[in-house]
Protein backbone atom coordinates (compact mmCIF):
# COMPACT_ATOMS: atom_id res chain seq x y z
CA MET A 1 171.07 -93.38 -48.65
CA ASP A 2 171.63 -96.31 -46.71
CA LEU A 3 169.84 -96.97 -43.13
CA TYR A 4 172.39 -96.07 -41.23
CA ASP A 5 172.79 -92.23 -43.32
CA TRP A 6 168.95 -92.00 -43.16
CA ILE A 7 169.35 -92.57 -38.68
CA VAL A 8 172.25 -90.21 -38.56
CA THR A 9 169.86 -87.55 -40.80
CA PHE A 10 167.07 -88.00 -39.25
CA GLN A 11 168.10 -87.45 -35.56
CA SER A 12 169.75 -84.11 -36.71
CA THR A 13 166.28 -82.80 -38.42
CA ARG A 14 164.18 -80.47 -36.83
CA PHE A 15 160.93 -83.14 -36.38
CA TYR A 16 163.16 -85.26 -34.49
CA TRP A 17 163.84 -82.76 -31.94
CA PHE A 18 159.60 -81.81 -31.83
CA LEU A 19 159.24 -85.51 -31.01
CA LEU A 20 161.49 -85.65 -28.45
CA ILE A 21 160.54 -82.43 -26.87
CA TYR A 22 156.74 -83.78 -27.33
CA PHE A 23 157.64 -87.42 -25.38
CA ALA A 24 159.22 -85.63 -22.61
CA TRP A 25 157.04 -82.75 -21.78
CA TYR A 26 153.73 -84.23 -22.26
CA PRO A 27 154.18 -86.82 -19.40
CA MET A 28 155.25 -83.75 -16.99
CA VAL A 29 152.95 -81.50 -18.08
CA THR A 30 150.12 -83.91 -18.11
CA SER A 31 150.68 -85.08 -14.40
CA VAL A 32 151.07 -81.52 -12.72
CA MET A 33 147.89 -80.64 -14.31
CA TRP A 34 146.11 -83.61 -13.29
CA ILE A 35 147.71 -83.01 -9.83
CA TYR A 36 146.46 -79.50 -9.41
CA THR A 37 143.38 -79.77 -10.98
CA ALA A 38 142.01 -82.76 -8.71
CA ILE A 39 142.82 -81.56 -5.07
CA LEU A 40 141.17 -78.32 -6.43
CA PHE A 41 138.41 -80.23 -7.15
CA TYR A 42 139.03 -82.02 -3.47
CA LYS A 43 139.41 -78.96 -2.17
CA ARG A 44 135.76 -77.92 -3.35
CA ARG A 45 133.95 -80.68 -3.04
CA GLU A 46 135.48 -83.24 -0.58
CA ASP A 47 137.27 -81.17 2.22
CA MET A 48 133.80 -79.84 3.32
CA ASP A 49 132.71 -80.38 7.03
CA GLU A 50 130.15 -82.31 8.56
CA GLN A 51 128.12 -79.31 8.27
CA ASP A 52 128.16 -79.15 4.51
CA LEU A 53 128.30 -82.40 3.65
CA GLU A 54 125.17 -82.86 5.79
CA SER A 55 123.61 -80.32 3.81
CA PHE A 56 124.79 -81.25 0.02
CA TYR A 57 123.29 -84.75 0.07
CA LYS A 58 120.34 -84.01 2.05
CA LEU A 59 117.92 -85.73 0.01
CA GLU A 60 114.92 -83.57 -0.70
CA GLU A 61 112.89 -86.02 -2.98
CA ILE A 62 112.70 -89.88 -2.94
CA PRO A 63 112.76 -90.45 -7.06
CA LYS A 64 112.65 -94.29 -7.36
CA VAL A 65 115.86 -95.83 -8.99
CA SER A 66 115.92 -99.03 -11.30
CA PHE A 67 119.40 -101.08 -10.92
CA VAL A 68 119.76 -102.46 -14.46
CA ILE A 69 122.54 -105.29 -14.54
CA PRO A 70 123.49 -106.69 -17.35
CA ALA A 71 124.86 -110.15 -17.54
CA TYR A 72 126.84 -113.19 -19.32
CA ASN A 73 128.28 -116.31 -17.82
CA GLU A 74 128.48 -114.85 -14.14
CA GLN A 75 127.72 -117.48 -11.94
CA ASP A 76 131.17 -116.97 -9.84
CA ASN A 77 129.98 -112.98 -9.15
CA ILE A 78 126.28 -112.69 -9.69
CA ALA A 79 125.04 -113.86 -6.28
CA ALA A 80 127.09 -111.23 -4.28
CA THR A 81 127.17 -108.85 -6.51
CA LEU A 82 122.75 -108.79 -6.12
CA GLU A 83 123.55 -109.37 -2.20
CA GLY A 84 125.09 -105.61 -1.94
CA VAL A 85 122.79 -104.43 -4.51
CA LEU A 86 119.70 -105.73 -1.68
CA LYS A 87 121.62 -104.30 1.28
CA VAL A 88 121.77 -100.34 -0.77
CA ASP A 89 120.14 -98.01 1.96
CA TYR A 90 117.64 -96.47 -0.01
CA PRO A 91 113.80 -96.94 0.50
CA ASP A 92 112.84 -97.11 -3.34
CA PHE A 93 114.28 -98.94 -5.30
CA GLU A 94 113.84 -101.81 -7.95
CA VAL A 95 116.85 -104.55 -9.86
CA VAL A 96 116.48 -105.69 -12.90
CA VAL A 97 118.85 -108.42 -13.75
CA VAL A 98 119.17 -109.21 -18.02
CA ASP A 99 121.03 -112.33 -18.72
CA ASP A 100 122.08 -112.58 -22.04
CA CYS A 101 121.73 -116.55 -22.86
CA SER A 102 124.42 -116.80 -20.22
CA THR A 103 125.93 -120.83 -21.06
CA ASP A 104 126.76 -121.75 -17.40
CA LYS A 105 125.05 -121.26 -14.32
CA THR A 106 124.49 -117.43 -13.76
CA LEU A 107 120.63 -117.98 -14.00
CA GLU A 108 120.80 -120.72 -11.33
CA LYS A 109 122.36 -118.07 -9.30
CA ILE A 110 119.89 -115.59 -9.97
CA HIS A 111 116.80 -117.01 -9.51
CA PRO A 112 116.91 -117.70 -5.34
CA PHE A 113 116.67 -113.65 -5.80
CA LEU A 114 113.92 -113.58 -7.38
CA ASP A 115 111.90 -114.56 -4.07
CA ASP A 116 112.60 -110.61 -3.11
CA PRO A 117 109.61 -108.36 -4.90
CA ARG A 118 112.59 -105.71 -5.82
CA VAL A 119 114.12 -108.17 -8.48
CA ARG A 120 113.33 -108.90 -11.78
CA LEU A 121 115.17 -110.89 -14.51
CA VAL A 122 114.79 -109.97 -18.09
CA ARG A 123 115.83 -113.02 -20.20
CA LYS A 124 117.22 -113.00 -23.76
CA LEU A 125 117.06 -115.39 -26.30
CA VAL A 126 119.89 -113.81 -28.54
CA ASN A 127 123.22 -112.96 -27.02
CA GLU A 128 123.39 -109.77 -28.58
CA GLY A 129 126.07 -107.24 -25.92
CA LYS A 130 125.82 -105.89 -23.38
CA ALA A 131 124.72 -102.52 -25.00
CA MET A 132 121.63 -104.15 -26.61
CA ALA A 133 121.07 -105.99 -23.41
CA LEU A 134 120.66 -102.79 -21.86
CA ASN A 135 118.93 -101.27 -24.37
CA ASP A 136 116.20 -103.53 -24.24
CA ALA A 137 115.89 -104.02 -20.51
CA ILE A 138 115.87 -99.97 -19.85
CA PRO A 139 111.86 -99.99 -21.36
CA LEU A 140 111.30 -102.53 -18.95
CA THR A 141 112.43 -100.41 -15.49
CA ASN A 142 110.15 -98.37 -13.36
CA GLY A 143 112.82 -95.77 -11.70
CA GLU A 144 113.47 -91.94 -12.81
CA LEU A 145 116.68 -92.68 -12.41
CA LEU A 146 118.77 -95.67 -13.55
CA PHE A 147 121.58 -97.28 -12.16
CA VAL A 148 124.07 -98.96 -14.42
CA MET A 149 126.48 -101.80 -12.82
CA ASP A 150 128.43 -104.85 -13.84
CA ALA A 151 127.58 -108.43 -12.75
CA ASP A 152 131.13 -108.75 -10.67
CA ALA A 153 130.70 -105.22 -9.17
CA VAL A 154 129.67 -104.44 -5.45
CA PRO A 155 128.09 -101.54 -4.32
CA SER A 156 129.04 -99.39 -0.99
CA PRO A 157 125.64 -99.21 1.13
CA ASP A 158 125.71 -95.77 1.18
CA ILE A 159 125.95 -95.45 -2.91
CA LEU A 160 122.38 -93.87 -3.47
CA HIS A 161 122.76 -91.16 -0.54
CA ARG A 162 125.84 -90.02 -2.23
CA MET A 163 125.10 -89.84 -6.19
CA VAL A 164 120.97 -89.45 -6.30
CA PRO A 165 121.50 -85.83 -4.71
CA HIS A 166 122.90 -84.97 -7.77
CA PHE A 167 119.78 -84.99 -10.01
CA ARG A 168 118.18 -82.23 -7.77
CA TRP A 169 119.73 -79.89 -10.59
CA PRO A 170 118.02 -80.46 -13.64
CA ARG A 171 120.66 -80.46 -16.00
CA CYS A 172 122.60 -82.94 -14.54
CA ALA A 173 122.11 -86.72 -16.69
CA ALA A 174 124.48 -89.07 -15.19
CA VAL A 175 126.67 -89.31 -12.15
CA THR A 176 129.36 -91.86 -12.39
CA GLY A 177 130.76 -93.09 -9.29
CA ASN A 178 134.60 -94.38 -7.45
CA PRO A 179 135.12 -97.63 -8.76
CA ARG A 180 137.86 -99.12 -6.42
CA VAL A 181 139.81 -102.66 -6.78
CA VAL A 182 138.54 -105.72 -4.69
CA ASN A 183 140.44 -108.88 -5.96
CA ARG A 184 144.05 -107.30 -5.34
CA ASP A 185 145.53 -111.07 -5.63
CA SER A 186 148.29 -110.71 -8.77
CA PHE A 187 150.84 -107.63 -9.34
CA LEU A 188 149.12 -106.62 -11.78
CA ALA A 189 145.53 -106.56 -9.80
CA LYS A 190 147.79 -104.04 -7.03
CA LEU A 191 149.18 -102.06 -10.06
CA GLN A 192 145.37 -101.26 -11.13
CA ALA A 193 144.02 -100.62 -7.61
CA ILE A 194 146.99 -97.67 -7.74
CA GLU A 195 145.77 -97.05 -11.45
CA PHE A 196 142.49 -96.45 -10.24
CA ALA A 197 143.08 -94.05 -7.56
CA SER A 198 145.85 -92.26 -9.03
CA ILE A 199 144.98 -92.57 -12.89
CA ILE A 200 141.00 -92.89 -13.76
CA SER A 201 139.54 -91.31 -9.94
CA LEU A 202 142.71 -88.44 -9.95
CA MET A 203 141.45 -87.70 -13.96
CA ARG A 204 137.73 -87.66 -13.10
CA ARG A 205 138.15 -84.80 -10.61
CA ALA A 206 140.25 -82.79 -12.80
CA GLN A 207 137.79 -83.01 -15.85
CA ARG A 208 134.98 -82.02 -13.19
CA ILE A 209 137.17 -78.69 -12.93
CA TRP A 210 137.01 -78.78 -16.39
CA GLY A 211 133.11 -78.87 -16.51
CA ARG A 212 133.37 -82.37 -18.87
CA ILE A 213 134.21 -85.68 -18.04
CA MET A 214 136.13 -88.26 -20.54
CA THR A 215 133.59 -91.14 -20.14
CA MET A 216 130.86 -92.86 -17.54
CA SER A 217 132.42 -95.57 -15.94
CA GLY A 218 130.51 -98.82 -17.19
CA VAL A 219 131.02 -100.11 -13.74
CA VAL A 220 129.19 -98.02 -11.84
CA GLY A 221 126.93 -94.80 -13.19
CA ILE A 222 123.19 -93.48 -12.21
CA PHE A 223 121.61 -91.31 -15.68
CA ARG A 224 118.46 -89.42 -15.64
CA ARG A 225 116.04 -91.78 -18.08
CA SER A 226 114.70 -88.67 -19.82
CA ALA A 227 118.30 -88.10 -20.78
CA LEU A 228 118.91 -91.51 -21.93
CA LEU A 229 116.21 -91.44 -23.92
CA ASP A 230 116.74 -87.78 -24.95
CA VAL A 231 120.57 -89.19 -26.69
CA GLY A 232 119.03 -92.73 -28.01
CA MET A 233 120.62 -95.07 -25.59
CA TYR A 234 123.16 -96.86 -26.10
CA SER A 235 125.08 -97.66 -29.09
CA PRO A 236 125.84 -101.13 -29.93
CA GLU A 237 128.55 -100.85 -32.62
CA MET A 238 131.07 -98.84 -30.51
CA ALA A 239 133.63 -101.09 -28.32
CA THR A 240 133.40 -98.88 -25.05
CA GLU A 241 129.34 -97.85 -25.20
CA ASP A 242 130.24 -96.15 -21.86
CA ILE A 243 132.59 -93.44 -23.29
CA ASP A 244 130.54 -92.89 -26.28
CA LEU A 245 127.26 -92.44 -24.45
CA THR A 246 129.01 -89.93 -22.08
CA TRP A 247 130.52 -87.96 -25.11
CA ARG A 248 126.73 -88.17 -26.75
CA LEU A 249 125.06 -86.76 -23.41
CA GLN A 250 127.35 -83.70 -23.18
CA LEU A 251 127.13 -83.06 -26.97
CA ARG A 252 123.41 -82.64 -25.61
CA HIS A 253 124.65 -79.70 -23.46
CA TRP A 254 123.88 -82.63 -20.48
CA ASP A 255 126.01 -82.36 -17.17
CA VAL A 256 127.81 -85.53 -16.80
CA ARG A 257 128.87 -86.08 -12.92
CA TYR A 258 131.60 -87.77 -10.67
CA GLU A 259 131.01 -88.63 -7.46
CA SER A 260 134.49 -89.57 -5.27
CA ARG A 261 132.27 -90.78 -2.37
CA ALA A 262 130.26 -93.05 -4.39
CA VAL A 263 132.23 -96.21 -4.05
CA MET A 264 131.82 -99.28 -5.88
CA TRP A 265 133.58 -102.70 -5.30
CA MET A 266 134.92 -104.36 -8.46
CA ARG A 267 136.54 -107.05 -9.67
CA VAL A 268 139.85 -106.38 -12.59
CA PRO A 269 141.64 -108.82 -15.07
CA GLN A 270 144.86 -110.56 -12.91
CA SER A 271 146.39 -112.10 -16.25
CA LEU A 272 148.31 -110.56 -18.79
CA ARG A 273 145.93 -111.48 -21.54
CA GLY A 274 142.69 -110.39 -19.81
CA LEU A 275 143.92 -107.14 -18.84
CA TRP A 276 145.67 -106.93 -22.72
CA ALA A 277 141.89 -107.69 -23.77
CA GLN A 278 140.69 -105.03 -21.85
CA ARG A 279 142.66 -102.39 -22.69
CA ARG A 280 142.72 -103.56 -26.29
CA ARG A 281 138.97 -102.61 -25.88
CA TRP A 282 139.52 -99.39 -24.55
CA ALA A 283 141.72 -98.25 -26.96
CA LEU A 284 139.85 -99.39 -29.76
CA GLY A 285 136.36 -97.72 -27.69
CA LEU A 286 138.44 -94.10 -27.83
CA SER A 287 139.76 -94.19 -31.24
CA GLN A 288 135.93 -94.92 -32.61
CA VAL A 289 134.49 -92.02 -30.20
CA LEU A 290 137.44 -89.61 -31.46
CA THR A 291 136.36 -90.84 -35.31
CA ARG A 292 132.39 -90.68 -34.80
CA HIS A 293 132.61 -87.42 -32.28
CA GLY A 294 135.64 -85.32 -33.16
CA ARG A 295 134.39 -83.35 -35.93
CA SER A 296 131.37 -82.00 -33.53
CA VAL A 297 133.21 -81.68 -30.70
CA LEU A 298 135.29 -79.01 -32.54
CA LYS A 299 132.35 -76.63 -32.77
CA TRP A 300 132.29 -73.35 -30.54
CA LYS A 301 129.09 -74.80 -29.25
CA HIS A 302 130.68 -77.36 -27.40
CA ARG A 303 134.07 -75.82 -26.72
CA ARG A 304 133.52 -76.88 -23.04
CA LEU A 305 134.81 -80.33 -24.59
CA TRP A 306 137.66 -78.88 -26.35
CA PRO A 307 140.04 -80.05 -23.26
CA VAL A 308 139.12 -83.68 -23.14
CA LEU A 309 139.26 -83.93 -26.82
CA ILE A 310 142.63 -82.02 -27.71
CA GLU A 311 144.01 -84.21 -24.06
CA SER A 312 142.47 -87.29 -25.30
CA SER A 313 144.29 -86.63 -29.10
CA LEU A 314 147.83 -85.77 -27.40
CA SER A 315 147.41 -89.49 -24.87
CA VAL A 316 146.81 -91.36 -28.55
CA GLY A 317 149.88 -89.22 -30.30
CA TRP A 318 152.44 -89.84 -27.63
CA ALA A 319 151.85 -93.82 -27.62
CA TYR A 320 152.93 -93.28 -31.04
CA THR A 321 155.88 -90.88 -30.46
CA TYR A 322 157.09 -93.24 -27.93
CA ILE A 323 156.60 -96.24 -29.99
CA LEU A 324 158.45 -94.43 -33.31
CA LEU A 325 161.30 -93.36 -30.92
CA THR A 326 161.77 -96.32 -29.30
CA ILE A 327 162.30 -98.29 -33.10
CA ILE A 328 164.38 -95.39 -33.87
CA TRP A 329 166.89 -95.62 -30.49
CA PHE A 330 166.90 -99.27 -30.90
CA THR A 331 167.88 -99.18 -34.89
CA SER A 332 170.58 -96.62 -33.55
CA TYR A 333 172.53 -98.62 -31.46
CA ALA A 334 172.12 -102.07 -33.46
CA LEU A 335 173.80 -99.50 -36.76
CA GLY A 336 176.42 -98.23 -33.79
CA TYR A 337 175.11 -94.98 -33.68
CA PRO A 338 174.24 -94.06 -29.68
CA PRO A 339 171.17 -92.35 -30.33
CA VAL A 340 170.10 -88.60 -29.54
CA GLY A 341 167.94 -88.24 -26.55
CA ALA A 342 168.46 -91.36 -25.57
CA SER A 343 170.64 -93.24 -23.25
CA PRO A 344 170.24 -96.73 -21.37
CA ILE A 345 171.39 -95.05 -18.07
CA PRO A 346 169.00 -93.85 -16.43
CA ASN A 347 169.87 -89.36 -16.51
CA PHE A 348 168.58 -86.29 -14.85
CA TRP A 349 165.23 -86.10 -17.56
CA GLY A 350 164.11 -89.90 -16.77
CA MET A 351 164.40 -89.34 -13.59
CA LEU A 352 162.82 -86.19 -13.15
CA ILE A 353 159.53 -87.79 -15.34
CA ALA A 354 159.48 -90.90 -13.25
CA THR A 355 159.78 -88.43 -9.97
CA VAL A 356 156.54 -86.64 -11.34
CA CYS A 357 154.64 -89.47 -12.53
CA LEU A 358 155.14 -91.09 -8.85
CA MET A 359 153.63 -87.45 -7.08
CA GLN A 360 150.74 -87.97 -9.28
CA LEU A 361 150.39 -91.33 -7.62
CA TYR A 362 150.75 -90.57 -4.33
CA THR A 363 148.32 -87.84 -4.82
CA GLY A 364 145.40 -89.83 -6.01
CA VAL A 365 146.26 -92.65 -3.19
CA VAL A 366 146.20 -89.64 -0.56
CA LEU A 367 142.90 -88.59 -2.44
CA ASP A 368 141.21 -91.52 -2.26
CA ARG A 369 142.60 -93.38 1.18
CA THR A 370 139.77 -92.11 2.95
CA TYR A 371 137.42 -94.59 0.67
CA ASP A 372 140.01 -97.22 0.22
CA PRO A 373 141.89 -97.52 3.22
CA SER A 374 143.82 -100.29 2.55
CA LEU A 375 145.58 -98.43 -1.15
CA PRO A 376 148.79 -96.82 0.54
CA ARG A 377 150.08 -100.37 1.39
CA TYR A 378 150.42 -101.06 -2.44
CA PHE A 379 152.07 -97.59 -3.46
CA ILE A 380 155.67 -99.17 -2.95
CA ILE A 381 154.82 -101.38 -6.07
CA ALA A 382 153.90 -97.61 -8.11
CA ILE A 383 157.35 -97.21 -9.35
CA PHE A 384 156.73 -100.38 -11.47
CA TYR A 385 153.48 -98.53 -12.92
CA PRO A 386 155.73 -96.62 -15.76
CA LEU A 387 157.67 -99.85 -16.90
CA VAL A 388 154.22 -101.95 -17.17
CA TYR A 389 151.42 -99.47 -18.16
CA TRP A 390 153.39 -97.09 -20.64
CA ILE A 391 155.29 -99.85 -22.58
CA LEU A 392 151.62 -101.91 -22.68
CA MET A 393 149.04 -99.18 -23.40
CA ALA A 394 151.39 -97.53 -26.01
CA VAL A 395 151.71 -100.80 -27.81
CA ILE A 396 148.28 -101.71 -27.44
CA THR A 397 147.15 -97.82 -28.58
CA VAL A 398 149.77 -97.97 -32.00
CA ILE A 399 148.08 -101.62 -32.63
CA THR A 400 144.47 -100.82 -32.07
CA SER A 401 143.39 -97.34 -32.82
CA PRO A 402 143.43 -97.56 -36.85
CA LEU A 403 140.37 -100.31 -36.52
CA GLY A 404 138.79 -97.44 -34.85
CA LEU A 405 138.97 -94.76 -37.82
CA LEU A 406 136.15 -97.45 -39.74
CA VAL A 407 133.82 -97.53 -36.87
CA ASN A 408 131.08 -94.95 -39.27
CA ARG A 409 131.31 -97.80 -41.99
CA GLN A 410 130.27 -100.25 -39.62
CA LYS A 411 126.92 -101.74 -39.46
CA ARG A 412 127.27 -104.75 -37.75
CA LYS A 413 127.07 -105.34 -34.16
CA VAL A 414 129.89 -105.34 -31.62
CA THR A 415 129.23 -107.90 -29.03
CA GLN A 416 131.28 -106.69 -26.05
CA TRP A 417 131.81 -108.24 -22.60
CA LYS A 418 133.83 -107.83 -19.93
CA PRO A 419 137.44 -109.89 -20.62
CA VAL A 420 138.49 -113.01 -18.62
CA ARG A 421 139.15 -111.70 -15.17
CA GLU A 422 141.40 -114.48 -14.32
């Protein structure tokens, strides 16, 4: 059987039709699910009157908070970050900056802030990556709560008043906040501003309705010290130490929460090279987590994590389906046989998928516009999101995911820092 005959025969099989149905229905079903559950979260937690709002965020106790800021070659951002942290409106906090052998002027930028008694510097002599920087610094902190953030981000002044009240519940181990994009100079950065509202923030709202979330954001998260010690702190061999830590906390039956009002202004990659490096690390980290913790999650006692496991696995499967079908369709066209289920001209089904996707993006923009008033002006470029991100993430996932299957055999530490943001 030659290639032409194989292509024609394959497109008449049940397996091919299964792939077509999965490819078409997965993004629509998940988008509708995200929209519904995110709105449900909004109605329960964000659509409060002033009295309920004041009651929920009232601080009955004032636990000491330690900001832990790992830094590596952050000379352009660390000063603004420390200025922003020191403006946080909270009566009892300290700031511990961890320099992981920076080779630029990061230390020079930090030193003026050491005059403030709330600020301390931990200087490492061996570069070991973000996870080890955090593990080395956490034992040196004094706070009951540990606020971990990136060295290129700036918190809103009320961020602790939004996050700390969650810890009145003893099972609450961690709260992640709402990262917003501050550098919006490039087309890719504007798309990411939409993404963090319409994909990441929307999904975290939805996952809280399920009871478990996929990940604490590495740029903004506050932890109960005892919970971090209970799970052994950060795993340096994981490409995304934040996803791994989130799953380990929830496997120990700790509660991890999302607080949409806790805004952190962060910087994102503005070039394709930087974005590729970042998303490759994310894809590798998810693959590692699924490999290392997937079997444990399948146990009945961890059933509340099943929706997260299923959705994560299906998303990886969809990426492979997308790439496989694309290869088949291009090959089929090249051989002169119009492929089944594919058309170069936008058809009804393609328009329906695009419409549902735009509905999800619009829902995220509407829900987050309170915290980011300029966000709606970028919605006009949301039409490019499926074209840019679906293709980009599918390719990255297919290339990178197999590497995560080896995580349980890795012995060396993985030194990972944020990719270039130019």
